Every structure is written in C-alpha cells, then in structure tokens.
C-alpha atoms as a PDB file:
ATOM      1  CA  UNK A   1      -0.050  -0.271  -0.022  1.00  0.00           C
ATOM      2  CA  UNK A   2       1.535   3.548  -1.031  1.00  0.00           C
ATOM      3  CA  UNK A   3       4.485   1.840  -2.939  1.00  0.00           C
ATOM      4  CA  UNK A   4       6.019   2.356  -6.147  1.00  0.00           C
ATOM      5  CA  UNK A   5       4.959  -0.394  -8.788  1.00  0.00           C
ATOM      6  CA  UNK A   6       7.295  -1.697 -11.696  1.00  0.00           C
ATOM      7  CA  UNK A   7       4.953   0.357 -14.448  1.00  0.00           C
ATOM      8  CA  UNK A   8       5.568   3.407 -12.513  1.00  0.00           C
ATOM      9  CA  UNK A   9       9.040   3.049 -12.203  1.00  0.00           C
ATOM     10  CA  UNK A  10       9.226   2.189 -16.273  1.00  0.00           C
ATOM     11  CA  UNK A  11       7.869   5.173 -16.762  1.00  0.00           C
ATOM     12  CA  UNK A  12       9.757   7.282 -15.067  1.00  0.00           C
ATOM     13  CA  UNK A  13      12.752   6.041 -16.319  1.00  0.00           C
ATOM     14  CA  UNK A  14      11.444   6.484 -19.866  1.00  0.00           C
ATOM     15  CA  UNK A  15      10.444  10.124 -19.218  1.00  0.00           C
ATOM     16  CA  UNK A  16      14.064  10.619 -17.606  1.00  0.00           C
ATOM     17  CA  UNK A  17      15.681   9.196 -20.940  1.00  0.00           C
ATOM     18  CA  UNK A  18      13.272  11.036 -23.158  1.00  0.00           C
ATOM     19  CA  UNK A  19      13.404  14.434 -21.814  1.00  0.00           C
ATOM     20  CA  UNK A  20      15.856  14.947 -19.100  1.00  0.00           C
ATOM     21  CA  UNK A  21      18.663  12.922 -20.036  1.00  0.00           C
ATOM     22  CA  UNK A  22      19.905  14.901 -23.348  1.00  0.00           C
ATOM     23  CA  UNK A  23      19.648  18.310 -21.259  1.00  0.00           C
ATOM     24  CA  UNK A  24      22.316  16.612 -18.912  1.00  0.00           C
ATOM     25  CA  UNK A  25      24.312  15.399 -21.899  1.00  0.00           C
ATOM     26  CA  UNK A  26      24.319  19.117 -23.277  1.00  0.00           C
ATOM     27  CA  UNK A  27      25.008  20.496 -20.342  1.00  0.00           C
ATOM     28  CA  UNK A  28      28.195  18.653 -19.290  1.00  0.00           C
ATOM     29  CA  UNK A  29      29.418  18.063 -22.707  1.00  0.00           C
ATOM     30  CA  UNK A  30      33.215  19.077 -23.251  1.00  0.00           C
ATOM     31  CA  UNK A  31      32.441  19.982 -27.098  1.00  0.00           C
ATOM     32  CA  UNK A  32      30.515  23.046 -26.068  1.00  0.00           C
ATOM     33  CA  UNK A  33      31.126  25.897 -23.731  1.00  0.00           C
ATOM     34  CA  UNK A  34      29.638  28.948 -22.396  1.00  0.00           C
ATOM     35  CA  UNK A  35      26.933  30.198 -24.487  1.00  0.00           C
ATOM     36  CA  UNK A  36      26.759  27.397 -26.819  1.00  0.00           C
ATOM     37  CA  UNK A  37      26.012  24.998 -24.099  1.00  0.00           C
ATOM     38  CA  UNK A  38      22.767  27.185 -23.476  1.00  0.00           C
ATOM     39  CA  UNK A  39      21.947  27.255 -27.129  1.00  0.00           C
ATOM     40  CA  UNK A  40      22.347  23.511 -27.321  1.00  0.00           C
ATOM     41  CA  UNK A  41      20.064  22.712 -24.249  1.00  0.00           C
ATOM     42  CA  UNK A  42      17.288  25.061 -25.701  1.00  0.00           C
ATOM     43  CA  UNK A  43      17.549  23.312 -29.085  1.00  0.00           C
ATOM     44  CA  UNK A  44      17.380  19.926 -27.629  1.00  0.00           C
ATOM     45  CA  UNK A  45      14.381  20.839 -25.636  1.00  0.00           C
ATOM     46  CA  UNK A  46      12.717  22.623 -28.972  1.00  0.00           C
ATOM     47  CA  UNK A  47      13.665  20.025 -31.276  1.00  0.00           C
ATOM     48  CA  UNK A  48      12.609  17.057 -29.323  1.00  0.00           C
ATOM     49  CA  UNK A  49       9.202  18.589 -29.275  1.00  0.00           C
ATOM     50  CA  UNK A  50       9.586  19.140 -33.131  1.00  0.00           C
ATOM     51  CA  UNK A  51      10.683  15.775 -33.639  1.00  0.00           C
ATOM     52  CA  UNK A  52       7.921  14.301 -32.212  1.00  0.00           C
ATOM     53  CA  UNK A  53       5.126  16.237 -33.942  1.00  0.00           C
ATOM     54  CA  UNK A  54       7.533  15.073 -37.261  1.00  0.00           C
ATOM     55  CA  UNK A  55       7.099  11.403 -36.281  1.00  0.00           C
ATOM     56  CA  UNK A  56       3.418  11.857 -35.642  1.00  0.00           C
ATOM     57  CA  UNK A  57       2.355  13.482 -38.683  1.00  0.00           C
ATOM     58  CA  UNK A  58       4.751  11.773 -40.982  1.00  0.00           C
ATOM     59  CA  UNK A  59       4.632   8.304 -39.824  1.00  0.00           C
ATOM     60  CA  UNK A  60       1.568   7.403 -37.273  1.00  0.00           C
ATOM     61  CA  UNK A  61      -1.160   9.370 -38.753  1.00  0.00           C
ATOM     62  CA  UNK A  62      -0.236   8.311 -42.309  1.00  0.00           C
ATOM     63  CA  UNK A  63      -0.080   4.761 -41.110  1.00  0.00           C
ATOM     64  CA  UNK A  64      -3.812   5.200 -39.254  1.00  0.00           C
ATOM     65  CA  UNK A  65      -5.027   6.366 -42.262  1.00  0.00           C
ATOM     66  CA  UNK A  66      -3.619   3.544 -44.661  1.00  0.00           C
ATOM     67  CA  UNK A  67      -4.837   1.021 -42.230  1.00  0.00           C
ATOM     68  CA  UNK A  68      -8.011  -0.838 -43.170  1.00  0.00           C
ATOM     69  CA  UNK A  69     -11.155   0.783 -41.365  1.00  0.00           C
ATOM     70  CA  UNK A  70     -13.538  -1.825 -39.341  1.00  0.00           C
END
C-alpha cells in the first residue's frame, strides 16, 4: 500500500531518458562551452518536440489513414 509499482518505475525511466538525459548530456559536454551550451540545451528541448510532431504527422498519422477501417 502506497509503494511504487514496476510500471510507474518504467514510466519514470522512460521520461528521464527521453526528456531529461539529453539536457544533462548537453550541459556536461566538453564539446561546447558558455553560450553554446545554453543554445544546445534550448535547441534540444525545442527540437525534441518538433521531432515528436514530425514522427506523428509523417509516420503514425499516415499509418492510421492507410490501415483498413473496421
């Protein structure tokens, strides 16, 4: 009662991997410094959402429209 289930733990790990890990990778990278890191973090946040929209509109929506209706 009141504990965390395995599914909640899996969801937390997925959220961490998809949203938070790229930000930490950008912040702690030795390839960029100063304002370049800030721009890298901002672009990783912004373009991640653009990537999700692109996948939805180009792949998933197309697959749903091509599937036979029941």
